[in-house]
Amino acid sequence: TLLAKLYIKVLALPKDGKDALKLLNYRTPTGSNSDAGDFAAIAYFVLKSRCRKEGTLFIKDVNDQLDSIASNNAGRKKELIENSLLHLIANTTALEQKWLIRMIIKDMKLGFSQQTVFSIFHPDAAELHNVTTDLEKVCIQLHDPSVCLSDVSISLFSAFKPMLAAIANIQHIEKQMNHQSFYIETKLDGERMQMHKDGDVYKYFSRNGFDYTQQFGGSPLEGTLTPFIHNVFRTDVQNCILDGEMMAYNPNTQTFMQKGNKFDIKRMVDDSDLQTCFCVFDVLMFNDHKLGHETLRKRYDILRDLFTPIHGRIHVVHKTEASTKKNVVDALNEAIDNREEGIMVKDPMSI
């Protein structure tokens, strides 16, 4: 309806005129006309007698105008949108306008969906587009069908979207794990964080991609964490990406604080009685080697050998190997007794 009103204004159509009403009521069926609901098709017939017979724009000109419409729509700059539409109407044919409108409203009426195109281009294209909403990035990063999303999305000093847990039905846990052994680990009540390290340079990103390097330390000389963990890494570790939970540790009681204690690990000050502790449960890259194709078991083996844990500063989250529903029930009861947030069940063969 908004686009219809813009066209009525730009074309200077009488508001109660036949063509204006066609645009405004494009969803209303009229006799044997099968174009009801197709705004672009209705607009084509309105524009047919008002547009030039041959277009004068190059593809770059059209792209520039479409970019302008998109950015001005986001900025609610109605007058600038009208200017772009007027430029397109004055320099394109009615048929060209029909397809431009379909691009603008993102409904191409081709008989197949955006998802279909993505699935043909690359198996992970739809997922990357859902995260980035950037078609150019999809085309550049996934042009090779043999390269998976985990490879391109994981790069040093660039935040990526981590895999999040789902709630499981304890009755079906053995079936979900294909009746094979699985890992049980304590669910930590902290802040999900990824650490990127390259020599003496560090960066920290939250699960939503926010940069917390200033808080935790971009070098061994600053921050609430980096100065205390810089020397724990094996001497041959040049770079790595670790995924884990940032926790607040109380050295007096030797316990982790819970979020319910009303503190924010991302804003802890240096003179606090608490100290920052990074509890690591996964490694995504090690010395330029991306581990997205490796199983969790293989990544865990690599992780345990990357650094020497320091109590209250950097830990490897302990995993217990289990195989039955009873093991899960016992672990859950123990977590409840210890007033922990819960447990995580993970498939060692997952990628």
Protein backbone atom coordinates (compact mmCIF):
# COMPACT_ATOMS: atom_id res chain seq x y z
CA THR A 1 0.00 0.00 0.00
CA LEU A 2 2.88 2.36 0.79
CA LEU A 3 4.42 1.73 -2.63
CA ALA A 4 1.00 2.23 -4.25
CA LYS A 5 0.65 5.63 -2.55
CA LEU A 6 4.15 6.60 -3.68
CA TYR A 7 3.36 5.71 -7.30
CA ILE A 8 0.08 7.63 -7.14
CA LYS A 9 1.96 10.69 -5.90
CA VAL A 10 4.89 10.40 -8.33
CA LEU A 11 2.58 9.81 -11.31
CA ALA A 12 0.27 12.62 -10.12
CA LEU A 13 -2.78 10.33 -10.43
CA PRO A 14 -6.17 11.60 -9.20
CA LYS A 15 -6.68 9.94 -5.79
CA ASP A 16 -10.19 8.77 -6.67
CA GLY A 17 -9.30 7.93 -10.27
CA LYS A 18 -9.58 4.46 -11.78
CA ASP A 19 -5.81 3.83 -11.97
CA ALA A 20 -5.16 5.06 -8.42
CA LEU A 21 -7.86 2.75 -7.09
CA LYS A 22 -6.38 -0.15 -9.08
CA LEU A 23 -3.04 0.36 -7.34
CA LEU A 24 -4.56 0.77 -3.88
CA ASN A 25 -6.91 -2.21 -4.27
CA TYR A 26 -4.53 -4.50 -6.14
CA ARG A 27 -5.57 -7.46 -3.97
CA THR A 28 -9.23 -7.16 -5.01
CA PRO A 29 -10.22 -9.53 -7.87
CA THR A 30 -11.79 -7.80 -10.88
CA GLY A 31 -13.80 -10.04 -13.20
CA SER A 32 -11.67 -12.59 -15.02
CA ASN A 33 -8.42 -10.79 -14.19
CA SER A 34 -5.97 -13.26 -12.63
CA ASP A 35 -3.51 -10.55 -11.53
CA ALA A 36 -5.27 -9.90 -8.21
CA GLY A 37 -2.66 -9.77 -5.46
CA ASP A 38 0.18 -9.13 -7.92
CA PHE A 39 1.01 -5.44 -7.39
CA ALA A 40 3.73 -5.41 -10.05
CA ALA A 41 1.35 -6.75 -12.72
CA ILE A 42 -1.33 -4.19 -11.81
CA ALA A 43 1.26 -1.39 -11.83
CA TYR A 44 2.44 -2.54 -15.28
CA PHE A 45 -0.97 -1.81 -16.83
CA VAL A 46 -1.14 1.57 -15.08
CA LEU A 47 2.37 2.48 -16.27
CA LYS A 48 2.03 1.06 -19.78
CA SER A 49 0.69 4.25 -21.33
CA ARG A 50 2.85 6.53 -19.20
CA CYS A 51 6.37 5.12 -19.67
CA ARG A 52 8.80 5.39 -22.56
CA LYS A 53 9.00 2.60 -25.14
CA GLU A 54 12.74 2.02 -24.67
CA GLY A 55 14.71 2.23 -21.44
CA THR A 56 17.87 4.33 -21.13
CA LEU A 57 19.40 3.00 -17.91
CA PHE A 58 22.38 0.68 -17.56
CA ILE A 59 22.46 -2.06 -14.91
CA LYS A 60 24.70 0.08 -12.69
CA ASP A 61 22.19 2.95 -12.85
CA VAL A 62 19.38 0.61 -11.81
CA ASN A 63 21.45 -0.87 -8.97
CA ASP A 64 22.32 2.61 -7.71
CA GLN A 65 18.65 3.62 -7.65
CA LEU A 66 17.59 0.38 -5.92
CA ASP A 67 20.36 0.86 -3.32
CA SER A 68 19.15 4.42 -2.80
CA ILE A 69 15.54 3.26 -2.31
CA ALA A 70 16.65 0.59 0.20
CA SER A 71 18.86 2.93 2.26
CA ASN A 72 16.35 5.79 2.21
CA ASN A 73 13.54 3.43 3.18
CA ALA A 74 15.61 2.34 6.19
CA GLY A 75 16.19 6.01 7.02
CA ARG A 76 12.50 6.87 6.47
CA LYS A 77 13.45 9.50 3.87
CA LYS A 78 10.25 9.47 1.84
CA GLU A 79 11.14 12.41 -0.41
CA LEU A 80 14.38 10.77 -1.56
CA ILE A 81 12.52 7.52 -2.30
CA GLU A 82 10.10 9.51 -4.47
CA ASN A 83 13.03 11.04 -6.36
CA SER A 84 14.47 7.58 -7.10
CA LEU A 85 11.09 6.25 -8.26
CA LEU A 86 10.58 9.28 -10.48
CA HIS A 87 14.02 8.74 -12.03
CA LEU A 88 13.21 5.07 -12.72
CA ILE A 89 9.77 5.85 -14.17
CA ALA A 90 11.21 8.53 -16.45
CA ASN A 91 13.95 6.28 -17.80
CA THR A 92 12.52 2.75 -17.95
CA THR A 93 9.76 0.94 -19.80
CA ALA A 94 6.62 -0.34 -18.08
CA LEU A 95 7.90 -3.92 -18.39
CA GLU A 96 11.20 -2.96 -16.75
CA GLN A 97 9.24 -1.21 -14.00
CA LYS A 98 7.20 -4.36 -13.43
CA TRP A 99 10.32 -6.37 -12.62
CA LEU A 100 11.93 -3.57 -10.63
CA ILE A 101 8.82 -3.41 -8.44
CA ARG A 102 9.11 -7.16 -7.86
CA MET A 103 12.70 -6.67 -6.76
CA ILE A 104 11.71 -3.85 -4.42
CA ILE A 105 8.91 -5.82 -2.73
CA LYS A 106 11.01 -9.03 -2.84
CA ASP A 107 8.33 -11.13 -4.51
CA MET A 108 9.53 -12.17 -7.96
CA LYS A 109 6.55 -14.44 -8.84
CA LEU A 110 8.88 -16.87 -10.59
CA GLY A 111 7.25 -20.04 -9.32
CA PHE A 112 10.18 -20.90 -7.06
CA SER A 113 11.48 -19.34 -3.87
CA GLN A 114 14.66 -17.68 -2.69
CA GLN A 115 15.37 -20.85 -0.70
CA THR A 116 15.34 -22.90 -3.93
CA VAL A 117 17.95 -20.64 -5.54
CA PHE A 118 20.12 -20.76 -2.41
CA SER A 119 19.94 -24.57 -2.20
CA ILE A 120 21.12 -24.89 -5.82
CA PHE A 121 23.93 -22.35 -5.33
CA HIS A 122 25.32 -23.88 -2.10
CA PRO A 123 23.90 -26.11 0.69
CA ASP A 124 24.82 -23.48 3.32
CA ALA A 125 23.82 -20.35 1.33
CA ALA A 126 20.43 -19.87 3.03
CA GLU A 127 21.97 -20.20 6.50
CA LEU A 128 24.69 -17.62 5.78
CA HIS A 129 22.17 -15.22 4.24
CA ASN A 130 19.90 -15.57 7.29
CA VAL A 131 22.81 -14.55 9.53
CA THR A 132 24.32 -11.77 7.38
CA THR A 133 21.43 -10.68 5.08
CA ASP A 134 24.27 -9.89 2.66
CA LEU A 135 23.87 -11.51 -0.76
CA GLU A 136 27.28 -10.30 -1.92
CA LYS A 137 28.95 -12.01 1.03
CA VAL A 138 27.07 -15.24 0.25
CA CYS A 139 28.26 -15.18 -3.38
CA ILE A 140 31.87 -14.39 -2.49
CA GLN A 141 32.31 -16.72 0.48
CA LEU A 142 30.34 -19.71 -0.81
CA HIS A 143 31.22 -19.69 -4.51
CA ASP A 144 32.90 -23.09 -4.07
CA PRO A 145 30.28 -25.80 -3.27
CA SER A 146 32.98 -28.00 -1.68
CA VAL A 147 33.68 -25.39 1.04
CA CYS A 148 31.26 -25.53 3.97
CA LEU A 149 29.92 -22.62 6.01
CA SER A 150 31.91 -23.58 9.11
CA ASP A 151 35.12 -23.02 7.11
CA VAL A 152 34.26 -19.57 5.80
CA SER A 153 32.48 -18.27 8.89
CA ILE A 154 35.40 -19.05 11.20
CA SER A 155 38.25 -16.59 10.74
CA LEU A 156 40.66 -14.96 13.16
CA PHE A 157 39.47 -11.69 14.77
CA SER A 158 36.07 -11.97 13.09
CA ALA A 159 33.06 -12.80 15.28
CA PHE A 160 30.95 -15.77 14.21
CA LYS A 161 27.62 -17.13 15.36
CA PRO A 162 28.22 -20.02 17.79
CA MET A 163 26.14 -23.18 17.88
CA LEU A 164 23.53 -22.96 20.64
CA ALA A 165 22.11 -25.81 22.70
CA ALA A 166 18.57 -27.15 22.43
CA ILE A 167 16.40 -28.63 25.19
CA ALA A 168 16.43 -32.44 25.08
CA ASN A 169 13.86 -34.98 26.25
CA ILE A 170 15.66 -37.22 28.72
CA GLN A 171 13.49 -40.20 27.68
CA HIS A 172 14.88 -40.06 24.13
CA ILE A 173 18.49 -39.25 24.94
CA GLU A 174 19.94 -42.68 24.08
CA LYS A 175 18.18 -42.70 20.71
CA GLN A 176 19.30 -39.12 19.97
CA MET A 177 22.89 -40.20 20.63
CA ASN A 178 22.46 -43.19 18.28
CA HIS A 179 22.90 -45.57 21.25
CA GLN A 180 26.58 -44.59 21.38
CA SER A 181 28.56 -43.07 24.25
CA PHE A 182 28.23 -39.32 24.77
CA TYR A 183 29.64 -36.46 26.83
CA ILE A 184 28.02 -34.88 29.88
CA GLU A 185 29.33 -31.55 31.12
CA THR A 186 28.16 -28.95 33.62
CA LYS A 187 26.11 -26.10 32.15
CA LEU A 188 27.82 -22.90 33.25
CA ASP A 189 25.91 -19.76 34.22
CA GLY A 190 28.19 -17.13 32.72
CA GLU A 191 28.57 -15.24 29.45
CA ARG A 192 29.21 -17.16 26.22
CA MET A 193 32.45 -15.79 24.80
CA GLN A 194 34.93 -16.62 22.05
CA MET A 195 38.61 -15.77 22.40
CA HIS A 196 40.74 -15.08 19.31
CA LYS A 197 44.51 -15.15 19.85
CA ASP A 198 47.33 -14.40 17.42
CA GLY A 199 50.67 -14.13 19.20
CA ASP A 200 50.36 -11.24 21.67
CA VAL A 201 47.12 -9.94 20.16
CA TYR A 202 43.77 -11.01 21.63
CA LYS A 203 40.13 -10.29 20.89
CA TYR A 204 36.98 -11.37 22.73
CA PHE A 205 33.48 -11.58 21.21
CA SER A 206 30.11 -12.37 22.78
CA ARG A 207 27.60 -14.82 21.27
CA ASN A 208 25.95 -11.85 19.51
CA GLY A 209 29.24 -10.63 18.04
CA PHE A 210 29.85 -7.72 20.44
CA ASP A 211 33.52 -6.91 21.06
CA TYR A 212 34.60 -7.10 24.73
CA THR A 213 38.35 -6.93 24.11
CA GLN A 214 38.68 -3.70 26.08
CA GLN A 215 37.30 -5.43 29.18
CA PHE A 216 39.23 -8.71 29.02
CA GLY A 217 42.43 -7.41 27.38
CA GLY A 218 43.76 -7.01 23.84
CA SER A 219 47.35 -7.72 24.97
CA PRO A 220 49.23 -9.35 27.91
CA LEU A 221 49.55 -5.88 29.48
CA GLU A 222 45.87 -5.02 29.89
CA GLY A 223 42.44 -6.31 30.83
CA THR A 224 40.89 -8.49 33.52
CA LEU A 225 41.93 -11.80 31.91
CA THR A 226 44.63 -11.73 29.21
CA PRO A 227 47.57 -10.78 31.53
CA PHE A 228 46.83 -13.88 33.65
CA ILE A 229 46.51 -16.43 30.84
CA HIS A 230 48.97 -15.27 28.17
CA ASN A 231 51.75 -17.58 29.36
CA VAL A 232 49.63 -20.73 29.76
CA PHE A 233 49.67 -21.64 26.06
CA ARG A 234 51.99 -24.25 24.61
CA THR A 235 55.06 -22.63 23.05
CA ASP A 236 54.12 -23.71 19.52
CA VAL A 237 50.62 -22.15 19.70
CA GLN A 238 50.80 -19.15 17.39
CA ASN A 239 47.07 -18.57 16.95
CA CYS A 240 43.79 -20.14 18.01
CA ILE A 241 40.08 -19.50 18.51
CA LEU A 242 38.55 -20.83 21.73
CA ASP A 243 34.85 -21.02 22.57
CA GLY A 244 33.69 -21.04 26.16
CA GLU A 245 31.96 -19.35 29.06
CA MET A 246 33.32 -16.29 30.84
CA MET A 247 32.76 -16.75 34.57
CA ALA A 248 33.34 -14.75 37.75
CA TYR A 249 35.42 -16.76 40.25
CA ASN A 250 35.54 -16.04 43.97
CA PRO A 251 39.05 -17.03 45.19
CA ASN A 252 37.98 -16.80 48.85
CA THR A 253 35.19 -19.37 48.57
CA GLN A 254 36.76 -21.04 45.50
CA THR A 255 33.40 -21.04 43.74
CA PHE A 256 31.92 -19.56 40.58
CA MET A 257 29.37 -16.79 40.93
CA GLN A 258 25.93 -17.19 39.35
CA LYS A 259 24.12 -14.51 37.34
CA GLY A 260 21.52 -14.34 40.10
CA ASN A 261 24.16 -12.72 42.33
CA LYS A 262 23.59 -9.46 40.42
CA PHE A 263 26.99 -8.85 38.87
CA ASP A 264 28.13 -8.42 35.26
CA ILE A 265 31.26 -10.30 34.20
CA LYS A 266 31.58 -7.94 31.21
CA ARG A 267 31.96 -4.91 33.51
CA MET A 268 34.01 -6.23 36.43
CA VAL A 269 36.57 -3.73 37.75
CA ASP A 270 40.19 -4.49 38.63
CA ASP A 271 39.74 -4.02 42.39
CA SER A 272 36.81 -6.46 42.58
CA ASP A 273 37.01 -9.36 45.04
CA LEU A 274 36.06 -11.58 42.10
CA GLN A 275 38.33 -12.57 39.22
CA THR A 276 37.58 -13.36 35.59
CA CYS A 277 37.88 -17.02 34.62
CA PHE A 278 37.50 -18.39 31.09
CA CYS A 279 36.00 -21.90 31.03
CA VAL A 280 36.79 -23.33 27.59
CA PHE A 281 34.74 -26.12 26.04
CA ASP A 282 35.74 -26.01 22.36
CA VAL A 283 38.51 -25.01 19.95
CA LEU A 284 37.56 -23.82 16.44
CA MET A 285 40.99 -22.99 15.02
CA PHE A 286 44.58 -23.88 15.89
CA ASN A 287 47.65 -22.51 14.07
CA ASP A 288 45.62 -21.47 10.99
CA HIS A 289 43.97 -24.90 10.79
CA LYS A 290 40.17 -24.57 10.91
CA LEU A 291 38.54 -27.39 12.83
CA GLY A 292 34.95 -27.08 11.59
CA HIS A 293 35.17 -30.48 9.87
CA GLU A 294 36.61 -32.28 12.89
CA THR A 295 34.45 -34.20 15.37
CA LEU A 296 33.89 -32.87 18.88
CA ARG A 297 36.01 -35.74 20.23
CA LYS A 298 38.96 -34.73 18.03
CA ARG A 299 38.56 -31.04 18.92
CA TYR A 300 38.42 -31.91 22.63
CA ASP A 301 41.66 -33.90 22.33
CA ILE A 302 43.33 -30.90 20.66
CA LEU A 303 41.92 -28.50 23.27
CA ARG A 304 43.26 -30.44 26.26
CA ASP A 305 46.78 -30.13 24.87
CA LEU A 306 46.68 -26.41 23.96
CA PHE A 307 47.31 -24.83 27.35
CA THR A 308 47.99 -25.54 31.01
CA PRO A 309 44.89 -24.64 33.07
CA ILE A 310 45.24 -22.18 35.96
CA HIS A 311 42.71 -22.61 38.73
CA GLY A 312 40.32 -19.66 38.79
CA ARG A 313 41.70 -18.14 35.56
CA ILE A 314 41.36 -20.56 32.65
CA HIS A 315 39.86 -24.05 32.74
CA VAL A 316 38.98 -26.78 30.27
CA VAL A 317 35.36 -27.70 30.98
CA HIS A 318 35.39 -31.30 32.19
CA LYS A 319 33.48 -33.85 30.13
CA THR A 320 32.26 -37.15 31.57
CA GLU A 321 31.71 -39.99 29.13
CA ALA A 322 28.32 -41.71 29.55
CA SER A 323 26.07 -44.07 27.63
CA THR A 324 22.71 -44.48 29.40
CA LYS A 325 19.67 -42.49 30.45
CA LYS A 326 20.50 -43.35 34.08
CA ASN A 327 23.89 -41.63 33.70
CA VAL A 328 22.09 -38.48 32.57
CA VAL A 329 19.56 -38.62 35.44
CA ASP A 330 22.35 -39.10 38.00
CA ALA A 331 24.36 -36.20 36.53
CA LEU A 332 21.30 -33.95 36.52
CA ASN A 333 20.49 -34.79 40.16
CA GLU A 334 24.09 -34.08 41.14
CA ALA A 335 23.93 -30.70 39.35
CA ILE A 336 20.71 -29.87 41.23
CA ASP A 337 22.30 -30.86 44.57
CA ASN A 338 25.29 -28.61 43.77
CA ARG A 339 22.94 -25.74 42.82
CA GLU A 340 24.33 -25.64 39.31
CA GLU A 341 22.38 -24.40 36.30
CA GLY A 342 22.07 -27.82 34.66
CA ILE A 343 23.97 -30.18 32.39
CA MET A 344 24.89 -30.36 28.71
CA VAL A 345 24.76 -33.60 26.72
CA LYS A 346 26.94 -33.65 23.60
CA ASP A 347 27.57 -36.12 20.81
CA PRO A 348 31.35 -36.77 20.51
CA MET A 349 30.95 -37.46 16.78
CA SER A 350 29.13 -34.19 16.06
CA ILE A 351 30.78 -31.62 13.80
